[in-house]
Protein backbone atom coordinates (compact mmCIF):
# COMPACT_ATOMS: atom_id res chain seq x y z
CA MET A 1 80.26 9.33 230.00
CA THR A 2 78.88 12.35 228.78
CA THR A 3 76.05 13.92 231.11
CA VAL A 4 72.83 15.55 229.13
CA PHE A 5 71.09 18.67 230.83
CA PRO A 6 67.85 19.58 229.60
CA ARG A 7 68.61 23.07 227.95
CA PRO A 8 67.03 26.15 229.64
CA ARG A 9 63.37 27.04 228.51
CA ARG A 10 63.17 30.21 227.31
CA ARG A 11 60.42 31.97 228.21
CA SER A 12 58.59 31.93 223.73
CA ASP A 13 59.32 27.90 224.30
CA ARG A 14 56.30 27.75 227.18
CA GLY A 15 53.25 28.15 225.68
CA PHE A 16 49.70 29.85 226.69
CA SER A 17 49.88 31.19 230.27
CA LEU A 18 46.53 30.59 232.08
CA LEU A 19 45.84 34.39 232.28
CA GLU A 20 46.31 34.47 228.14
CA ALA A 21 43.82 31.52 227.81
CA ILE A 22 41.31 32.93 230.30
CA ALA A 23 41.28 36.20 228.42
CA ALA A 24 40.84 34.38 224.62
CA LEU A 25 38.35 32.35 225.88
CA THR A 26 36.41 35.49 227.00
CA ILE A 27 36.67 37.30 224.16
CA PHE A 28 35.84 33.20 221.88
CA GLY A 29 32.55 33.96 224.24
CA LEU A 30 32.02 37.20 223.62
CA ALA A 31 31.95 37.25 219.92
CA ILE A 32 29.95 33.72 220.25
CA LEU A 33 26.89 36.02 221.66
CA VAL A 34 27.48 39.13 219.53
CA ALA A 35 26.83 36.53 216.77
CA THR A 36 23.69 34.43 218.38
CA GLY A 37 22.03 38.44 218.67
CA PHE A 38 23.13 39.27 215.35
CA LEU A 39 20.99 36.13 214.21
CA ASP A 40 17.97 36.25 216.52
CA VAL A 41 17.45 39.44 214.38
CA GLN A 42 18.03 38.20 211.40
CA MET A 43 15.90 36.13 211.80
CA SER A 44 13.02 37.69 213.25
CA ALA A 45 13.20 40.38 210.10
CA ALA A 46 12.81 37.06 207.81
CA ARG A 47 9.57 35.97 209.30
CA ARG A 48 8.61 39.79 209.10
CA TYR A 49 9.23 39.77 205.24
CA GLU A 50 7.94 36.34 205.04
CA ALA A 51 4.19 37.46 206.76
CA ARG A 52 4.19 40.32 204.87
CA ALA A 53 4.53 38.45 201.08
CA ASP A 54 1.50 36.72 202.79
CA LEU A 55 -0.81 39.24 203.81
CA VAL A 56 0.05 40.59 200.24
CA ARG A 57 -0.74 37.92 198.35
CA ALA A 58 -3.82 37.40 200.60
CA ALA A 59 -4.92 40.37 200.12
CA GLU A 60 -4.44 39.82 195.94
CA THR A 61 -6.60 36.98 195.75
CA VAL A 62 -9.86 37.99 197.52
CA LEU A 63 -9.22 41.40 194.60
CA GLU A 64 -8.26 39.51 191.80
CA SER A 65 -11.23 36.86 192.67
CA VAL A 66 -13.81 40.31 193.37
CA ARG A 67 -12.27 41.22 189.69
CA GLY A 68 -13.34 38.11 188.00
CA GLY A 69 -16.84 38.04 189.28
CA VAL A 70 -16.09 34.96 191.56
CA ARG A 71 -16.95 37.32 195.15
CA PRO A 72 -19.50 40.09 194.66
CA ILE A 73 -18.70 43.64 195.00
CA THR A 74 -19.99 44.11 198.93
CA ALA A 75 -18.42 44.98 202.11
CA GLY A 76 -17.43 42.59 204.46
CA ASP A 77 -14.79 39.90 206.26
CA VAL A 78 -14.12 37.63 203.66
CA ASP A 79 -13.03 34.06 204.44
CA LEU A 80 -10.28 32.38 201.91
CA GLY A 81 -11.39 29.20 203.15
CA ASP A 82 -8.68 26.95 200.82
CA GLU A 83 -8.49 29.45 198.31
CA PHE A 84 -4.82 30.50 200.13
CA GLN A 85 -2.50 28.80 202.75
CA PRO A 86 0.36 31.08 204.04
CA LEU A 87 3.45 30.63 203.72
CA SER A 88 4.74 30.83 207.17
CA ALA A 89 2.51 30.43 210.41
CA ILE A 90 0.14 33.16 210.35
CA THR A 91 -3.45 33.07 210.54
CA VAL A 92 -4.84 35.59 207.69
CA ARG A 93 -8.18 37.88 208.45
CA THR A 94 -9.16 39.81 205.34
CA THR A 95 -11.64 42.16 205.04
CA ILE A 96 -12.80 44.08 201.83
CA GLY A 97 -14.30 47.65 201.61
CA VAL A 98 -16.23 48.86 198.39
CA THR A 99 -17.18 52.73 197.53
CA PRO A 100 -19.28 53.46 195.15
CA ARG A 101 -17.97 55.71 192.50
CA PRO A 102 -19.66 59.01 190.74
CA VAL A 103 -19.79 56.89 187.55
CA PRO A 104 -22.14 54.32 187.57
CA GLY A 105 -21.38 50.30 187.89
CA LEU A 106 -17.51 52.02 188.91
CA TYR A 107 -16.46 50.94 192.72
CA GLU A 108 -13.85 51.37 194.26
CA VAL A 109 -12.38 48.12 196.21
CA ARG A 110 -9.93 48.27 199.02
CA VAL A 111 -9.13 44.62 200.89
CA GLU A 112 -7.20 44.68 204.34
CA ALA A 113 -5.50 41.89 204.84
CA ARG A 114 -4.18 41.38 208.84
CA ALA A 115 -1.89 38.90 210.95
CA MET A 116 -0.20 38.74 214.20
CA VAL A 117 3.64 38.83 213.56
CA ARG A 118 5.41 37.90 217.48
CA SER A 119 3.24 40.50 219.26
CA GLU A 120 3.26 42.81 216.14
CA GLU A 121 -0.42 43.37 213.75
CA MET A 122 0.74 44.18 210.80
CA VAL A 123 -1.32 45.40 207.69
CA VAL A 124 -1.18 45.39 204.03
CA SER A 125 -3.83 47.43 201.68
CA ILE A 126 -4.35 47.53 198.70
CA THR A 127 -6.98 49.67 197.02
CA THR A 128 -7.83 49.52 193.14
CA GLN A 129 -10.99 50.25 190.64
CA VAL A 130 -13.45 47.63 189.84
CA TRP A 131 -15.64 47.78 186.89
CA ARG A 132 -19.21 46.09 187.14
CA PRO A 133 -21.62 47.53 184.04
C-alpha cells in the first residue's frame, strides 16, 4: 500500500495574506472616495451650466418680446408667467433697463435675468438697441 503525502505548499500557492487584502481594500476605498468627489464637482458644474442656459433663454425671451412690440419699452421688473419655463429647478427674475439714445426713437434696452444656484447668484445681461418711431 502506498501512502500519499500532501505535497509541501510553496509560498506562491498560499493566496493573499490578510495584510495584502486590507491594503487592496484601502486603495479601492480611496479610489471610490476620489471618484465620488469628482462626480459631485461635475454634477455641480452641469447644474450651473443648465441654469446659465435658462437665464440666457429668459433674457432672450424678454428681449424678443420688446423687439417684437409685445412689451412696451419701459424699465422695470418683468413677469414671464407662462411664456418661459426653465429646464432647471430655478426661479428666474428678469428686469428691463431702458436708456434713450441721442437719435429720436432709438433706445438702448438692457435685460437682466437673475437666479440663485446653490447659494450663488447668477446674472445674465443682454444689451441691444431698439428702434420705435
